[in-house]
Amino acid sequence: MKKQLTSYQLVCYVGEPLKAIREIPFEMKLTAQLILDELCHTWNKARLEKMIDESLINSDREGFMKLSEKYKEYQ
């Protein structure tokens, strides 16, 4: 795992702005990634359920079978 660093560059102020770099903490990055993963999973599952319902309404057996196979990954 990459080490989290914080680095600062301080220069005597003569008109040049100070530069500071600070990394986002690992816990915040992980939390954000988990939330995004959960949102994408939920959205994809709902979309797939809607497509399955439409294939049932349209009596599309072949489409239903393909979508049902994809849906197994979400259970």
PDB file of N, CA and C in Angstrom:
ATOM      1  N   MET A   1       0.854  -1.165   0.000  1.00  0.00           N
ATOM      2  CA  MET A   1       0.000   0.000   0.000  1.00  0.00           C
ATOM      3  C   MET A   1       0.902   1.230   0.000  1.00  0.00           C
ATOM      4  N   LYS A   2       0.509   2.209  -0.787  1.00  0.00           N
ATOM      5  CA  LYS A   2       1.298   3.429  -0.894  1.00  0.00           C
ATOM      6  C   LYS A   2       1.228   4.216   0.411  1.00  0.00           C
ATOM      7  N   LYS A   3       2.383   4.685   0.853  1.00  0.00           N
ATOM      8  CA  LYS A   3       2.455   5.441   2.098  1.00  0.00           C
ATOM      9  C   LYS A   3       1.851   6.827   1.900  1.00  0.00           C
ATOM     10  N   GLN A   4       1.048   7.240   2.839  1.00  0.00           N
ATOM     11  CA  GLN A   4       0.409   8.549   2.786  1.00  0.00           C
ATOM     12  C   GLN A   4       1.400   9.608   3.272  1.00  0.00           C
ATOM     13  N   LEU A   5       1.591  10.638   2.456  1.00  0.00           N
ATOM     14  CA  LEU A   5       2.568  11.666   2.772  1.00  0.00           C
ATOM     15  C   LEU A   5       1.909  13.043   2.842  1.00  0.00           C
ATOM     16  N   THR A   6       2.526  13.883   3.618  1.00  0.00           N
ATOM     17  CA  THR A   6       2.154  15.295   3.653  1.00  0.00           C
ATOM     18  C   THR A   6       3.436  16.077   3.447  1.00  0.00           C
ATOM     19  N   SER A   7       3.448  16.955   2.448  1.00  0.00           N
ATOM     20  CA  SER A   7       4.661  17.722   2.196  1.00  0.00           C
ATOM     21  C   SER A   7       4.306  19.196   2.085  1.00  0.00           C
ATOM     22  N   TYR A   8       5.204  20.012   2.551  1.00  0.00           N
ATOM     23  CA  TYR A   8       5.011  21.456   2.536  1.00  0.00           C
ATOM     24  C   TYR A   8       6.247  22.105   1.930  1.00  0.00           C
ATOM     25  N   GLN A   9       6.014  23.164   1.170  1.00  0.00           N
ATOM     26  CA  GLN A   9       7.120  23.933   0.633  1.00  0.00           C
ATOM     27  C   GLN A   9       6.944  25.360   1.118  1.00  0.00           C
ATOM     28  N   LEU A  10       7.817  25.785   1.998  1.00  0.00           N
ATOM     29  CA  LEU A  10       7.721  27.128   2.556  1.00  0.00           C
ATOM     30  C   LEU A  10       8.856  27.983   1.995  1.00  0.00           C
ATOM     31  N   VAL A  11       8.492  29.134   1.505  1.00  0.00           N
ATOM     32  CA  VAL A  11       9.466  30.046   0.925  1.00  0.00           C
ATOM     33  C   VAL A  11       9.259  31.402   1.578  1.00  0.00           C
ATOM     34  N   CYS A  12      10.337  32.110   1.813  1.00  0.00           N
ATOM     35  CA  CYS A  12      10.203  33.457   2.386  1.00  0.00           C
ATOM     36  C   CYS A  12       9.312  34.282   1.486  1.00  0.00           C
ATOM     37  N   TYR A  13       8.359  34.943   2.075  1.00  0.00           N
ATOM     38  CA  TYR A  13       7.379  35.680   1.287  1.00  0.00           C
ATOM     39  C   TYR A  13       7.976  36.958   0.744  1.00  0.00           C
ATOM     40  N   VAL A  14       8.090  36.957  -0.593  1.00  0.00           N
ATOM     41  CA  VAL A  14       8.573  38.138  -1.286  1.00  0.00           C
ATOM     42  C   VAL A  14       7.612  38.428  -2.435  1.00  0.00           C
ATOM     43  N   GLY A  15       6.457  37.863  -2.390  1.00  0.00           N
ATOM     44  CA  GLY A  15       5.501  38.039  -3.471  1.00  0.00           C
ATOM     45  C   GLY A  15       5.060  36.684  -4.031  1.00  0.00           C
ATOM     46  N   GLU A  16       5.850  35.653  -3.862  1.00  0.00           N
ATOM     47  CA  GLU A  16       5.492  34.306  -4.307  1.00  0.00           C
ATOM     48  C   GLU A  16       4.567  33.671  -3.273  1.00  0.00           C
ATOM     49  N   PRO A  17       3.474  33.056  -3.703  1.00  0.00           N
ATOM     50  CA  PRO A  17       2.589  32.394  -2.741  1.00  0.00           C
ATOM     51  C   PRO A  17       3.212  31.125  -2.180  1.00  0.00           C
ATOM     52  N   LEU A  18       2.798  30.771  -0.988  1.00  0.00           N
ATOM     53  CA  LEU A  18       3.263  29.534  -0.366  1.00  0.00           C
ATOM     54  C   LEU A  18       2.544  28.358  -1.003  1.00  0.00           C
ATOM     55  N   LYS A  19       3.261  27.246  -1.161  1.00  0.00           N
ATOM     56  CA  LYS A  19       2.645  26.046  -1.722  1.00  0.00           C
ATOM     57  C   LYS A  19       2.584  24.977  -0.640  1.00  0.00           C
ATOM     58  N   ALA A  20       1.453  24.363  -0.512  1.00  0.00           N
ATOM     59  CA  ALA A  20       1.289  23.287   0.464  1.00  0.00           C
ATOM     60  C   ALA A  20       0.500  22.165  -0.196  1.00  0.00           C
ATOM     61  N   ILE A  21       0.980  20.945  -0.010  1.00  0.00           N
ATOM     62  CA  ILE A  21       0.299  19.765  -0.553  1.00  0.00           C
ATOM     63  C   ILE A  21      -0.077  18.871   0.620  1.00  0.00           C
ATOM     64  N   ARG A  22      -1.345  18.470   0.625  1.00  0.00           N
ATOM     65  CA  ARG A  22      -1.790  17.582   1.692  1.00  0.00           C
ATOM     66  C   ARG A  22      -2.648  16.489   1.080  1.00  0.00           C
ATOM     67  N   GLU A  23      -2.287  15.262   1.359  1.00  0.00           N
ATOM     68  CA  GLU A  23      -3.018  14.111   0.847  1.00  0.00           C
ATOM     69  C   GLU A  23      -4.288  13.896   1.649  1.00  0.00           C
ATOM     70  N   ILE A  24      -5.301  13.365   0.993  1.00  0.00           N
ATOM     71  CA  ILE A  24      -6.540  12.998   1.670  1.00  0.00           C
ATOM     72  C   ILE A  24      -6.269  11.732   2.480  1.00  0.00           C
ATOM     73  N   PRO A  25      -6.722  11.659   3.723  1.00  0.00           N
ATOM     74  CA  PRO A  25      -6.481  10.476   4.545  1.00  0.00           C
ATOM     75  C   PRO A  25      -7.069   9.214   3.895  1.00  0.00           C
ATOM     76  N   PHE A  26      -6.383   8.103   4.118  1.00  0.00           N
ATOM     77  CA  PHE A  26      -6.783   6.820   3.538  1.00  0.00           C
ATOM     78  C   PHE A  26      -8.209   6.450   3.919  1.00  0.00           C
ATOM     79  N   GLU A  27      -8.598   6.713   5.148  1.00  0.00           N
ATOM     80  CA  GLU A  27      -9.936   6.347   5.611  1.00  0.00           C
ATOM     81  C   GLU A  27     -11.011   7.083   4.806  1.00  0.00           C
ATOM     82  N   MET A  28     -10.758   8.347   4.485  1.00  0.00           N
ATOM     83  CA  MET A  28     -11.723   9.114   3.705  1.00  0.00           C
ATOM     84  C   MET A  28     -11.808   8.585   2.277  1.00  0.00           C
ATOM     85  N   LYS A  29     -10.658   8.239   1.691  1.00  0.00           N
ATOM     86  CA  LYS A  29     -10.652   7.679   0.341  1.00  0.00           C
ATOM     87  C   LYS A  29     -11.408   6.353   0.306  1.00  0.00           C
ATOM     88  N   LEU A  30     -11.158   5.514   1.284  1.00  0.00           N
ATOM     89  CA  LEU A  30     -11.820   4.213   1.340  1.00  0.00           C
ATOM     90  C   LEU A  30     -13.323   4.370   1.528  1.00  0.00           C
ATOM     91  N   THR A  31     -13.733   5.253   2.421  1.00  0.00           N
ATOM     92  CA  THR A  31     -15.160   5.486   2.660  1.00  0.00           C
ATOM     93  C   THR A  31     -15.848   5.989   1.397  1.00  0.00           C
ATOM     94  N   ALA A  32     -15.223   6.928   0.711  1.00  0.00           N
ATOM     95  CA  ALA A  32     -15.803   7.464  -0.525  1.00  0.00           C
ATOM     96  C   ALA A  32     -15.934   6.374  -1.580  1.00  0.00           C
ATOM     97  N   GLN A  33     -14.912   5.539  -1.714  1.00  0.00           N
ATOM     98  CA  GLN A  33     -14.961   4.457  -2.700  1.00  0.00           C
ATOM     99  C   GLN A  33     -16.050   3.445  -2.373  1.00  0.00           C
ATOM    100  N   LEU A  34     -16.201   3.108  -1.099  1.00  0.00           N
ATOM    101  CA  LEU A  34     -17.245   2.161  -0.702  1.00  0.00           C
ATOM    102  C   LEU A  34     -18.643   2.715  -0.951  1.00  0.00           C
ATOM    103  N   ILE A  35     -18.831   3.997  -0.685  1.00  0.00           N
ATOM    104  CA  ILE A  35     -20.135   4.621  -0.929  1.00  0.00           C
ATOM    105  C   ILE A  35     -20.454   4.631  -2.417  1.00  0.00           C
ATOM    106  N   LEU A  36     -19.467   4.996  -3.245  1.00  0.00           N
ATOM    107  CA  LEU A  36     -19.683   4.992  -4.691  1.00  0.00           C
ATOM    108  C   LEU A  36     -19.968   3.591  -5.219  1.00  0.00           C
ATOM    109  N   ASP A  37     -19.260   2.600  -4.709  1.00  0.00           N
ATOM    110  CA  ASP A  37     -19.507   1.214  -5.122  1.00  0.00           C
ATOM    111  C   ASP A  37     -20.926   0.778  -4.769  1.00  0.00           C
ATOM    112  N   GLU A  38     -21.373   1.122  -3.578  1.00  0.00           N
ATOM    113  CA  GLU A  38     -22.717   0.741  -3.148  1.00  0.00           C
ATOM    114  C   GLU A  38     -23.782   1.442  -4.005  1.00  0.00           C
ATOM    115  N   LEU A  39     -23.575   2.716  -4.311  1.00  0.00           N
ATOM    116  CA  LEU A  39     -24.523   3.452  -5.155  1.00  0.00           C
ATOM    117  C   LEU A  39     -24.605   2.850  -6.555  1.00  0.00           C
ATOM    118  N   CYS A  40     -23.456   2.523  -7.134  1.00  0.00           N
ATOM    119  CA  CYS A  40     -23.446   1.927  -8.474  1.00  0.00           C
ATOM    120  C   CYS A  40     -24.112   0.557  -8.457  1.00  0.00           C
ATOM    121  N   HIS A  41     -23.832  -0.244  -7.446  1.00  0.00           N
ATOM    122  CA  HIS A  41     -24.428  -1.573  -7.330  1.00  0.00           C
ATOM    123  C   HIS A  41     -25.949  -1.470  -7.233  1.00  0.00           C
ATOM    124  N   THR A  42     -26.435  -0.578  -6.395  1.00  0.00           N
ATOM    125  CA  THR A  42     -27.877  -0.408  -6.205  1.00  0.00           C
ATOM    126  C   THR A  42     -28.546   0.076  -7.492  1.00  0.00           C
ATOM    127  N   TRP A  43     -27.918   1.041  -8.159  1.00  0.00           N
ATOM    128  CA  TRP A  43     -28.487   1.577  -9.393  1.00  0.00           C
ATOM    129  C   TRP A  43     -28.526   0.515 -10.489  1.00  0.00           C
ATOM    130  N   ASN A  44     -27.432  -0.235 -10.652  1.00  0.00           N
ATOM    131  CA  ASN A  44     -27.385  -1.280 -11.675  1.00  0.00           C
ATOM    132  C   ASN A  44     -28.401  -2.378 -11.395  1.00  0.00           C
ATOM    133  N   LYS A  45     -28.564  -2.746 -10.145  1.00  0.00           N
ATOM    134  CA  LYS A  45     -29.525  -3.785  -9.777  1.00  0.00           C
ATOM    135  C   LYS A  45     -30.949  -3.329 -10.079  1.00  0.00           C
ATOM    136  N   ALA A  46     -31.282  -2.094  -9.726  1.00  0.00           N
ATOM    137  CA  ALA A  46     -32.627  -1.566  -9.986  1.00  0.00           C
ATOM    138  C   ALA A  46     -32.888  -1.485 -11.486  1.00  0.00           C
ATOM    139  N   ARG A  47     -31.888  -1.075 -12.245  1.00  0.00           N
ATOM    140  CA  ARG A  47     -32.030  -0.985 -13.700  1.00  0.00           C
ATOM    141  C   ARG A  47     -32.262  -2.367 -14.304  1.00  0.00           C
ATOM    142  N   LEU A  48     -31.520  -3.352 -13.837  1.00  0.00           N
ATOM    143  CA  LEU A  48     -31.668  -4.717 -14.330  1.00  0.00           C
ATOM    144  C   LEU A  48     -33.042  -5.288 -13.971  1.00  0.00           C
ATOM    145  N   GLU A  49     -33.516  -5.004 -12.762  1.00  0.00           N
ATOM    146  CA  GLU A  49     -34.857  -5.458 -12.369  1.00  0.00           C
ATOM    147  C   GLU A  49     -35.921  -4.840 -13.271  1.00  0.00           C
ATOM    148  N   LYS A  50     -35.751  -3.567 -13.616  1.00  0.00           N
ATOM    149  CA  LYS A  50     -36.708  -2.903 -14.501  1.00  0.00           C
ATOM    150  C   LYS A  50     -36.694  -3.555 -15.883  1.00  0.00           C
ATOM    151  N   MET A  51     -35.510  -3.878 -16.386  1.00  0.00           N
ATOM    152  CA  MET A  51     -35.400  -4.519 -17.694  1.00  0.00           C
ATOM    153  C   MET A  51     -36.030  -5.916 -17.674  1.00  0.00           C
ATOM    154  N   ILE A  52     -35.865  -6.642 -16.573  1.00  0.00           N
ATOM    155  CA  ILE A  52     -36.478  -7.968 -16.440  1.00  0.00           C
ATOM    156  C   ILE A  52     -37.994  -7.839 -16.438  1.00  0.00           C
ATOM    157  N   ASP A  53     -38.519  -6.865 -15.699  1.00  0.00           N
ATOM    158  CA  ASP A  53     -39.962  -6.638 -15.670  1.00  0.00           C
ATOM    159  C   ASP A  53     -40.504  -6.313 -17.065  1.00  0.00           C
ATOM    160  N   GLU A  54     -39.771  -5.489 -17.816  1.00  0.00           N
ATOM    161  CA  GLU A  54     -40.200  -5.150 -19.173  1.00  0.00           C
ATOM    162  C   GLU A  54     -40.202  -6.366 -20.088  1.00  0.00           C
ATOM    163  N   SER A  55     -39.205  -7.231 -19.933  1.00  0.00           N
ATOM    164  CA  SER A  55     -39.170  -8.430 -20.771  1.00  0.00           C
ATOM    165  C   SER A  55     -40.328  -9.374 -20.426  1.00  0.00           C
ATOM    166  N   LEU A  56     -40.737  -9.401 -19.160  1.00  0.00           N
ATOM    167  CA  LEU A  56     -41.900 -10.215 -18.782  1.00  0.00           C
ATOM    168  C   LEU A  56     -43.184  -9.639 -19.369  1.00  0.00           C
ATOM    169  N   ILE A  57     -43.317  -8.320 -19.327  1.00  0.00           N
ATOM    170  CA  ILE A  57     -44.499  -7.669 -19.880  1.00  0.00           C
ATOM    171  C   ILE A  57     -44.587  -7.915 -21.392  1.00  0.00           C
ATOM    172  N   ASN A  58     -43.428  -7.873 -22.065  1.00  0.00           N
ATOM    173  CA  ASN A  58     -43.384  -8.054 -23.517  1.00  0.00           C
ATOM    174  C   ASN A  58     -43.350  -9.530 -23.932  1.00  0.00           C
ATOM    175  N   SER A  59     -43.386 -10.443 -22.965  1.00  0.00           N
ATOM    176  CA  SER A  59     -43.320 -11.888 -23.231  1.00  0.00           C
ATOM    177  C   SER A  59     -42.070 -12.260 -24.019  1.00  0.00           C
ATOM    178  N   ASP A  60     -40.953 -11.626 -23.680  1.00  0.00           N
ATOM    179  CA  ASP A  60     -39.664 -11.905 -24.338  1.00  0.00           C
ATOM    180  C   ASP A  60     -38.901 -12.928 -23.503  1.00  0.00           C
ATOM    181  N   ARG A  61     -39.104 -14.186 -23.794  1.00  0.00           N
ATOM    182  CA  ARG A  61     -38.504 -15.265 -23.005  1.00  0.00           C
ATOM    183  C   ARG A  61     -36.976 -15.267 -23.120  1.00  0.00           C
ATOM    184  N   GLU A  62     -36.472 -15.079 -24.323  1.00  0.00           N
ATOM    185  CA  GLU A  62     -35.019 -15.100 -24.535  1.00  0.00           C
ATOM    186  C   GLU A  62     -34.339 -13.946 -23.784  1.00  0.00           C
ATOM    187  N   GLY A  63     -34.910 -12.748 -23.867  1.00  0.00           N
ATOM    188  CA  GLY A  63     -34.373 -11.600 -23.145  1.00  0.00           C
ATOM    189  C   GLY A  63     -34.447 -11.805 -21.644  1.00  0.00           C
ATOM    190  N   PHE A  64     -35.553 -12.398 -21.184  1.00  0.00           N
ATOM    191  CA  PHE A  64     -35.715 -12.671 -19.765  1.00  0.00           C
ATOM    192  C   PHE A  64     -34.632 -13.623 -19.256  1.00  0.00           C
ATOM    193  N   MET A  65     -34.343 -14.666 -20.045  1.00  0.00           N
ATOM    194  CA  MET A  65     -33.339 -15.640 -19.618  1.00  0.00           C
ATOM    195  C   MET A  65     -31.942 -15.003 -19.544  1.00  0.00           C
ATOM    196  N   LYS A  66     -31.601 -14.162 -20.518  1.00  0.00           N
ATOM    197  CA  LYS A  66     -30.291 -13.488 -20.501  1.00  0.00           C
ATOM    198  C   LYS A  66     -30.171 -12.548 -19.308  1.00  0.00           C
ATOM    199  N   LEU A  67     -31.216 -11.776 -19.078  1.00  0.00           N
ATOM    200  CA  LEU A  67     -31.191 -10.828 -17.963  1.00  0.00           C
ATOM    201  C   LEU A  67     -31.196 -11.554 -16.618  1.00  0.00           C
ATOM    202  N   SER A  68     -31.870 -12.678 -16.540  1.00  0.00           N
ATOM    203  CA  SER A  68     -31.899 -13.457 -15.292  1.00  0.00           C
ATOM    204  C   SER A  68     -30.513 -13.985 -14.945  1.00  0.00           C
ATOM    205  N   GLU A  69     -29.748 -14.366 -15.970  1.00  0.00           N
ATOM    206  CA  GLU A  69     -28.375 -14.830 -15.731  1.00  0.00           C
ATOM    207  C   GLU A  69     -27.506 -13.699 -15.177  1.00  0.00           C
ATOM    208  N   LYS A  70     -27.673 -12.502 -15.717  1.00  0.00           N
ATOM    209  CA  LYS A  70     -26.917 -11.343 -15.214  1.00  0.00           C
ATOM    210  C   LYS A  70     -27.343 -10.996 -13.787  1.00  0.00           C
ATOM    211  N   TYR A  71     -28.634 -11.167 -13.503  1.00  0.00           N
ATOM    212  CA  TYR A  71     -29.163 -10.800 -12.188  1.00  0.00           C
ATOM    213  C   TYR A  71     -28.617 -11.696 -11.083  1.00  0.00           C
ATOM    214  N   LYS A  72     -28.213 -12.907 -11.417  1.00  0.00           N
ATOM    215  CA  LYS A  72     -27.683 -13.842 -10.401  1.00  0.00           C
ATOM    216  C   LYS A  72     -26.457 -13.258  -9.690  1.00  0.00           C
ATOM    217  N   GLU A  73     -25.718 -12.399 -10.359  1.00  0.00           N
ATOM    218  CA  GLU A  73     -24.533 -11.773  -9.753  1.00  0.00           C
ATOM    219  C   GLU A  73     -24.916 -10.815  -8.613  1.00  0.00           C
ATOM    220  N   TYR A  74     -26.141 -10.331  -8.634  1.00  0.00           N
ATOM    221  CA  TYR A  74     -26.578  -9.346  -7.645  1.00  0.00           C
ATOM    222  C   TYR A  74     -27.234  -9.965  -6.428  1.00  0.00           C
ATOM    223  N   GLN A  75     -27.356 -11.259  -6.378  1.00  0.00           N
ATOM    224  CA  GLN A  75     -28.009 -11.901  -5.237  1.00  0.00           C
ATOM    225  C   GLN A  75     -26.999 -12.336  -4.213  1.00  0.00           C
TER     226      GLN A  75
END
